[in-house]
Amino acid sequence: MNKPKEDELEIFVKWTEFLEWLLPATAKFPRKIRHTFAERIENLGLDVAEELQEARYSSDKRKLLRDINLKLEKLRLLLRLSHKLQYLPHNGYEHSARSINEVGRMLGAWIKQQNEKVR
């Protein structure tokens, strides 16, 4: 595991590590669903990375953080379906669930912090 640089957010480092696993995993999906299932999963994952960067530099982070949280839920759904349809092996599904949950907890803390700033 890479040690985060001083100016990098830990949540972004964790998400980047997850993407480094996710993109090769979805590349192994069967060709017949590659342009539907896999691309949606990949795009959601990349959108989360982009929005984490946007939130880092935004003055009002709350809407972006809620949008990221919704994308994590969509990813959970698509990865669960991928596992049930046997496109994603069990150990891959477990890894993805653990990774998304970890980032979700970090995101929840960030959302809570932003909500407290508004009060």
N, C-alpha and C. Protein backbone atom coordinates (compact mmCIF):
# COMPACT_ATOMS: atom_id res chain seq x y z
N MET A 1 0.84 -1.18 0.00
CA MET A 1 0.00 0.00 0.00
C MET A 1 0.89 1.24 0.00
N ASN A 2 0.52 2.20 -0.84
CA ASN A 2 1.28 3.43 -0.94
C ASN A 2 0.96 4.33 0.24
N LYS A 3 1.98 4.99 0.75
CA LYS A 3 1.77 5.95 1.82
C LYS A 3 1.32 7.27 1.20
N PRO A 4 0.23 7.86 1.70
CA PRO A 4 -0.25 9.10 1.10
C PRO A 4 0.77 10.23 1.26
N LYS A 5 0.85 11.06 0.23
CA LYS A 5 1.68 12.26 0.34
C LYS A 5 1.01 13.20 1.30
N GLU A 6 1.78 14.12 1.81
CA GLU A 6 1.30 15.05 2.81
C GLU A 6 0.04 15.81 2.38
N ASP A 7 -0.02 16.20 1.10
CA ASP A 7 -1.14 17.02 0.64
C ASP A 7 -2.28 16.20 0.03
N GLU A 8 -2.21 14.87 0.06
CA GLU A 8 -3.27 14.03 -0.49
C GLU A 8 -4.25 13.63 0.60
N LEU A 9 -5.51 13.66 0.25
CA LEU A 9 -6.53 13.20 1.19
C LEU A 9 -6.50 11.68 1.25
N GLU A 10 -6.61 11.13 2.45
CA GLU A 10 -6.58 9.68 2.61
C GLU A 10 -7.71 9.01 1.83
N ILE A 11 -8.88 9.64 1.79
CA ILE A 11 -10.01 9.06 1.08
C ILE A 11 -9.68 8.94 -0.42
N PHE A 12 -8.99 9.93 -0.97
CA PHE A 12 -8.64 9.89 -2.38
C PHE A 12 -7.60 8.79 -2.64
N VAL A 13 -6.66 8.63 -1.74
CA VAL A 13 -5.65 7.57 -1.88
C VAL A 13 -6.34 6.20 -1.85
N LYS A 14 -7.27 6.01 -0.90
CA LYS A 14 -7.99 4.73 -0.80
C LYS A 14 -8.80 4.47 -2.06
N TRP A 15 -9.45 5.53 -2.59
CA TRP A 15 -10.26 5.34 -3.78
C TRP A 15 -9.38 5.02 -4.99
N THR A 16 -8.25 5.66 -5.08
CA THR A 16 -7.32 5.38 -6.19
C THR A 16 -6.85 3.93 -6.13
N GLU A 17 -6.54 3.45 -4.95
CA GLU A 17 -6.13 2.05 -4.79
C GLU A 17 -7.26 1.12 -5.22
N PHE A 18 -8.50 1.47 -4.88
CA PHE A 18 -9.64 0.66 -5.29
C PHE A 18 -9.78 0.66 -6.81
N LEU A 19 -9.63 1.81 -7.44
CA LEU A 19 -9.71 1.89 -8.90
C LEU A 19 -8.62 1.05 -9.57
N GLU A 20 -7.44 1.02 -8.97
CA GLU A 20 -6.35 0.21 -9.51
C GLU A 20 -6.71 -1.27 -9.51
N TRP A 21 -7.57 -1.67 -8.60
CA TRP A 21 -8.08 -3.05 -8.59
C TRP A 21 -9.29 -3.18 -9.51
N LEU A 22 -10.22 -2.21 -9.44
CA LEU A 22 -11.50 -2.30 -10.14
C LEU A 22 -11.37 -2.35 -11.66
N LEU A 23 -10.57 -1.48 -12.23
CA LEU A 23 -10.49 -1.38 -13.69
C LEU A 23 -10.00 -2.68 -14.33
N PRO A 24 -8.94 -3.31 -13.82
CA PRO A 24 -8.56 -4.61 -14.38
C PRO A 24 -9.61 -5.71 -14.12
N ALA A 25 -10.32 -5.61 -13.00
CA ALA A 25 -11.35 -6.62 -12.69
C ALA A 25 -12.50 -6.54 -13.68
N THR A 26 -12.95 -5.35 -14.00
CA THR A 26 -14.06 -5.22 -14.94
C THR A 26 -13.62 -5.53 -16.38
N ALA A 27 -12.34 -5.39 -16.66
CA ALA A 27 -11.83 -5.74 -17.99
C ALA A 27 -11.98 -7.23 -18.26
N LYS A 28 -12.14 -8.02 -17.21
CA LYS A 28 -12.28 -9.48 -17.34
C LYS A 28 -13.75 -9.90 -17.50
N PHE A 29 -14.67 -8.96 -17.43
CA PHE A 29 -16.07 -9.30 -17.62
C PHE A 29 -16.27 -9.83 -19.04
N PRO A 30 -17.27 -10.70 -19.24
CA PRO A 30 -17.52 -11.24 -20.59
C PRO A 30 -17.80 -10.12 -21.60
N ARG A 31 -17.38 -10.34 -22.81
CA ARG A 31 -17.54 -9.34 -23.87
C ARG A 31 -19.00 -8.90 -24.05
N LYS A 32 -19.94 -9.85 -23.89
CA LYS A 32 -21.35 -9.53 -24.14
C LYS A 32 -21.90 -8.46 -23.18
N ILE A 33 -21.31 -8.30 -22.03
CA ILE A 33 -21.78 -7.28 -21.09
C ILE A 33 -20.75 -6.19 -20.86
N ARG A 34 -19.67 -6.26 -21.55
CA ARG A 34 -18.57 -5.31 -21.37
C ARG A 34 -19.02 -3.87 -21.59
N HIS A 35 -19.81 -3.63 -22.62
CA HIS A 35 -20.18 -2.26 -22.95
C HIS A 35 -21.41 -1.77 -22.19
N THR A 36 -21.95 -2.58 -21.34
CA THR A 36 -23.07 -2.12 -20.52
C THR A 36 -22.65 -2.11 -19.06
N PHE A 37 -22.57 -3.27 -18.49
CA PHE A 37 -22.26 -3.40 -17.06
C PHE A 37 -20.91 -2.83 -16.69
N ALA A 38 -19.87 -3.33 -17.35
CA ALA A 38 -18.50 -2.95 -16.98
C ALA A 38 -18.27 -1.45 -17.17
N GLU A 39 -18.74 -0.90 -18.27
CA GLU A 39 -18.52 0.53 -18.50
C GLU A 39 -19.25 1.39 -17.48
N ARG A 40 -20.44 0.98 -17.09
CA ARG A 40 -21.17 1.75 -16.06
C ARG A 40 -20.41 1.73 -14.74
N ILE A 41 -19.90 0.56 -14.38
CA ILE A 41 -19.13 0.44 -13.14
C ILE A 41 -17.87 1.29 -13.22
N GLU A 42 -17.15 1.18 -14.32
CA GLU A 42 -15.91 1.94 -14.48
C GLU A 42 -16.19 3.45 -14.44
N ASN A 43 -17.23 3.88 -15.16
CA ASN A 43 -17.55 5.31 -15.19
C ASN A 43 -17.95 5.83 -13.82
N LEU A 44 -18.72 5.07 -13.07
CA LEU A 44 -19.07 5.49 -11.71
C LEU A 44 -17.82 5.61 -10.85
N GLY A 45 -16.94 4.63 -10.95
CA GLY A 45 -15.70 4.67 -10.17
C GLY A 45 -14.85 5.88 -10.51
N LEU A 46 -14.73 6.18 -11.79
CA LEU A 46 -13.95 7.34 -12.22
C LEU A 46 -14.65 8.65 -11.83
N ASP A 47 -15.98 8.67 -11.91
CA ASP A 47 -16.73 9.86 -11.48
C ASP A 47 -16.48 10.16 -10.00
N VAL A 48 -16.44 9.12 -9.18
CA VAL A 48 -16.19 9.30 -7.75
C VAL A 48 -14.81 9.94 -7.56
N ALA A 49 -13.81 9.47 -8.28
CA ALA A 49 -12.47 10.04 -8.15
C ALA A 49 -12.47 11.52 -8.53
N GLU A 50 -13.12 11.84 -9.63
CA GLU A 50 -13.18 13.23 -10.08
C GLU A 50 -13.91 14.11 -9.06
N GLU A 51 -15.02 13.61 -8.56
CA GLU A 51 -15.81 14.41 -7.62
C GLU A 51 -15.12 14.56 -6.27
N LEU A 52 -14.32 13.57 -5.87
CA LEU A 52 -13.54 13.73 -4.64
C LEU A 52 -12.55 14.88 -4.81
N GLN A 53 -11.94 14.97 -5.98
CA GLN A 53 -11.02 16.08 -6.25
C GLN A 53 -11.77 17.41 -6.26
N GLU A 54 -12.93 17.44 -6.90
CA GLU A 54 -13.73 18.67 -6.94
C GLU A 54 -14.11 19.10 -5.52
N ALA A 55 -14.54 18.15 -4.71
CA ALA A 55 -14.95 18.47 -3.34
C ALA A 55 -13.79 19.03 -2.53
N ARG A 56 -12.62 18.52 -2.79
CA ARG A 56 -11.44 18.99 -2.06
C ARG A 56 -11.24 20.49 -2.23
N TYR A 57 -11.53 20.99 -3.43
CA TYR A 57 -11.26 22.39 -3.73
C TYR A 57 -12.51 23.27 -3.76
N SER A 58 -13.66 22.69 -3.48
CA SER A 58 -14.92 23.43 -3.52
C SER A 58 -15.15 24.15 -2.19
N SER A 59 -15.77 25.32 -2.28
CA SER A 59 -16.09 26.03 -1.04
C SER A 59 -17.33 25.42 -0.37
N ASP A 60 -18.28 24.92 -1.16
CA ASP A 60 -19.45 24.24 -0.59
C ASP A 60 -19.38 22.78 -1.01
N LYS A 61 -18.87 21.96 -0.14
CA LYS A 61 -18.60 20.56 -0.45
C LYS A 61 -19.82 19.66 -0.28
N ARG A 62 -20.84 20.12 0.42
CA ARG A 62 -21.92 19.23 0.84
C ARG A 62 -22.65 18.56 -0.31
N LYS A 63 -23.01 19.30 -1.35
CA LYS A 63 -23.74 18.68 -2.46
C LYS A 63 -22.85 17.66 -3.18
N LEU A 64 -21.61 18.01 -3.42
CA LEU A 64 -20.69 17.06 -4.07
C LEU A 64 -20.53 15.79 -3.24
N LEU A 65 -20.40 15.94 -1.93
CA LEU A 65 -20.23 14.77 -1.07
C LEU A 65 -21.47 13.88 -1.08
N ARG A 66 -22.65 14.49 -1.12
CA ARG A 66 -23.89 13.69 -1.22
C ARG A 66 -23.94 12.97 -2.57
N ASP A 67 -23.52 13.65 -3.63
CA ASP A 67 -23.49 13.02 -4.96
C ASP A 67 -22.53 11.83 -4.98
N ILE A 68 -21.39 11.99 -4.34
CA ILE A 68 -20.41 10.89 -4.26
C ILE A 68 -21.03 9.72 -3.51
N ASN A 69 -21.71 10.01 -2.41
CA ASN A 69 -22.33 8.96 -1.62
C ASN A 69 -23.35 8.18 -2.45
N LEU A 70 -24.13 8.87 -3.26
CA LEU A 70 -25.10 8.21 -4.13
C LEU A 70 -24.38 7.32 -5.16
N LYS A 71 -23.30 7.79 -5.70
CA LYS A 71 -22.53 6.99 -6.67
C LYS A 71 -21.97 5.72 -6.01
N LEU A 72 -21.55 5.83 -4.74
CA LEU A 72 -21.08 4.64 -4.03
C LEU A 72 -22.20 3.61 -3.89
N GLU A 73 -23.41 4.09 -3.63
CA GLU A 73 -24.56 3.18 -3.52
C GLU A 73 -24.85 2.51 -4.86
N LYS A 74 -24.77 3.26 -5.95
CA LYS A 74 -24.97 2.69 -7.28
C LYS A 74 -23.90 1.65 -7.59
N LEU A 75 -22.67 1.94 -7.20
CA LEU A 75 -21.59 0.97 -7.42
C LEU A 75 -21.84 -0.31 -6.63
N ARG A 76 -22.27 -0.16 -5.39
CA ARG A 76 -22.58 -1.34 -4.58
C ARG A 76 -23.61 -2.22 -5.29
N LEU A 77 -24.65 -1.59 -5.80
CA LEU A 77 -25.71 -2.32 -6.50
C LEU A 77 -25.16 -3.05 -7.73
N LEU A 78 -24.43 -2.36 -8.56
CA LEU A 78 -23.91 -2.97 -9.79
C LEU A 78 -22.90 -4.08 -9.49
N LEU A 79 -22.08 -3.89 -8.48
CA LEU A 79 -21.10 -4.93 -8.13
C LEU A 79 -21.80 -6.15 -7.52
N ARG A 80 -22.85 -5.90 -6.73
CA ARG A 80 -23.63 -7.02 -6.17
C ARG A 80 -24.27 -7.83 -7.31
N LEU A 81 -24.86 -7.14 -8.28
CA LEU A 81 -25.45 -7.82 -9.43
C LEU A 81 -24.38 -8.57 -10.23
N SER A 82 -23.24 -7.96 -10.40
CA SER A 82 -22.14 -8.61 -11.13
C SER A 82 -21.74 -9.92 -10.45
N HIS A 83 -21.74 -9.88 -9.13
CA HIS A 83 -21.40 -11.09 -8.38
C HIS A 83 -22.50 -12.15 -8.52
N LYS A 84 -23.74 -11.73 -8.38
CA LYS A 84 -24.85 -12.69 -8.49
C LYS A 84 -24.94 -13.31 -9.88
N LEU A 85 -24.58 -12.54 -10.90
CA LEU A 85 -24.59 -13.05 -12.27
C LEU A 85 -23.28 -13.75 -12.64
N GLN A 86 -22.39 -13.86 -11.67
CA GLN A 86 -21.11 -14.57 -11.79
C GLN A 86 -20.13 -13.92 -12.77
N TYR A 87 -20.21 -12.60 -12.90
CA TYR A 87 -19.20 -11.87 -13.67
C TYR A 87 -18.03 -11.47 -12.77
N LEU A 88 -18.30 -11.40 -11.48
CA LEU A 88 -17.30 -11.01 -10.49
C LEU A 88 -17.18 -12.14 -9.48
N PRO A 89 -15.98 -12.71 -9.31
CA PRO A 89 -15.83 -13.82 -8.35
C PRO A 89 -16.09 -13.36 -6.91
N HIS A 90 -16.36 -14.32 -6.07
CA HIS A 90 -16.72 -14.03 -4.68
C HIS A 90 -15.65 -13.20 -3.97
N ASN A 91 -14.39 -13.58 -4.11
CA ASN A 91 -13.33 -12.83 -3.42
C ASN A 91 -13.24 -11.40 -3.96
N GLY A 92 -13.52 -11.19 -5.25
CA GLY A 92 -13.54 -9.85 -5.82
C GLY A 92 -14.69 -9.03 -5.28
N TYR A 93 -15.83 -9.68 -5.12
CA TYR A 93 -16.99 -8.97 -4.56
C TYR A 93 -16.71 -8.58 -3.11
N GLU A 94 -16.12 -9.48 -2.34
CA GLU A 94 -15.79 -9.17 -0.95
C GLU A 94 -14.82 -7.99 -0.88
N HIS A 95 -13.80 -8.01 -1.72
CA HIS A 95 -12.82 -6.93 -1.74
C HIS A 95 -13.51 -5.60 -2.08
N SER A 96 -14.36 -5.63 -3.09
CA SER A 96 -15.03 -4.38 -3.50
C SER A 96 -15.94 -3.87 -2.39
N ALA A 97 -16.66 -4.76 -1.75
CA ALA A 97 -17.57 -4.35 -0.67
C ALA A 97 -16.79 -3.74 0.49
N ARG A 98 -15.68 -4.37 0.88
CA ARG A 98 -14.86 -3.83 1.97
C ARG A 98 -14.29 -2.46 1.60
N SER A 99 -13.80 -2.34 0.39
CA SER A 99 -13.19 -1.08 -0.05
C SER A 99 -14.22 0.05 -0.09
N ILE A 100 -15.38 -0.23 -0.68
CA ILE A 100 -16.41 0.80 -0.78
C ILE A 100 -16.93 1.17 0.60
N ASN A 101 -17.07 0.19 1.48
CA ASN A 101 -17.52 0.49 2.85
C ASN A 101 -16.51 1.38 3.58
N GLU A 102 -15.23 1.09 3.41
CA GLU A 102 -14.20 1.90 4.06
C GLU A 102 -14.26 3.35 3.56
N VAL A 103 -14.33 3.51 2.26
CA VAL A 103 -14.42 4.86 1.69
C VAL A 103 -15.73 5.51 2.10
N GLY A 104 -16.80 4.74 2.17
CA GLY A 104 -18.09 5.27 2.61
C GLY A 104 -18.04 5.80 4.03
N ARG A 105 -17.34 5.11 4.91
CA ARG A 105 -17.19 5.60 6.29
C ARG A 105 -16.40 6.91 6.32
N MET A 106 -15.34 6.96 5.52
CA MET A 106 -14.54 8.18 5.46
C MET A 106 -15.37 9.34 4.89
N LEU A 107 -16.16 9.04 3.88
CA LEU A 107 -17.02 10.04 3.27
C LEU A 107 -18.07 10.52 4.27
N GLY A 108 -18.65 9.59 5.02
CA GLY A 108 -19.63 9.95 6.04
C GLY A 108 -19.06 10.90 7.08
N ALA A 109 -17.82 10.67 7.47
CA ALA A 109 -17.17 11.56 8.43
C ALA A 109 -16.95 12.94 7.82
N TRP A 110 -16.60 12.97 6.55
CA TRP A 110 -16.39 14.24 5.86
C TRP A 110 -17.71 15.02 5.75
N ILE A 111 -18.78 14.30 5.43
CA ILE A 111 -20.11 14.92 5.34
C ILE A 111 -20.51 15.48 6.70
N LYS A 112 -20.29 14.70 7.74
CA LYS A 112 -20.63 15.16 9.10
C LYS A 112 -19.85 16.42 9.45
N GLN A 113 -18.57 16.43 9.10
CA GLN A 113 -17.73 17.60 9.39
C GLN A 113 -18.27 18.84 8.66
N GLN A 114 -18.67 18.66 7.40
CA GLN A 114 -19.19 19.78 6.61
C GLN A 114 -20.53 20.27 7.16
N ASN A 115 -21.37 19.34 7.60
CA ASN A 115 -22.66 19.73 8.19
C ASN A 115 -22.47 20.52 9.48
N GLU A 116 -21.46 20.16 10.26
CA GLU A 116 -21.20 20.86 11.51
C GLU A 116 -20.67 22.26 11.25
N LYS A 117 -19.96 22.46 10.15
CA LYS A 117 -19.45 23.78 9.79
C LYS A 117 -20.57 24.74 9.47
N VAL A 118 -21.67 24.22 8.93
CA VAL A 118 -22.80 25.04 8.50
C VAL A 118 -23.61 25.51 9.69
N ARG A 119 -23.65 24.72 10.72
CA ARG A 119 -24.46 25.04 11.92
C ARG A 119 -23.96 26.25 12.64
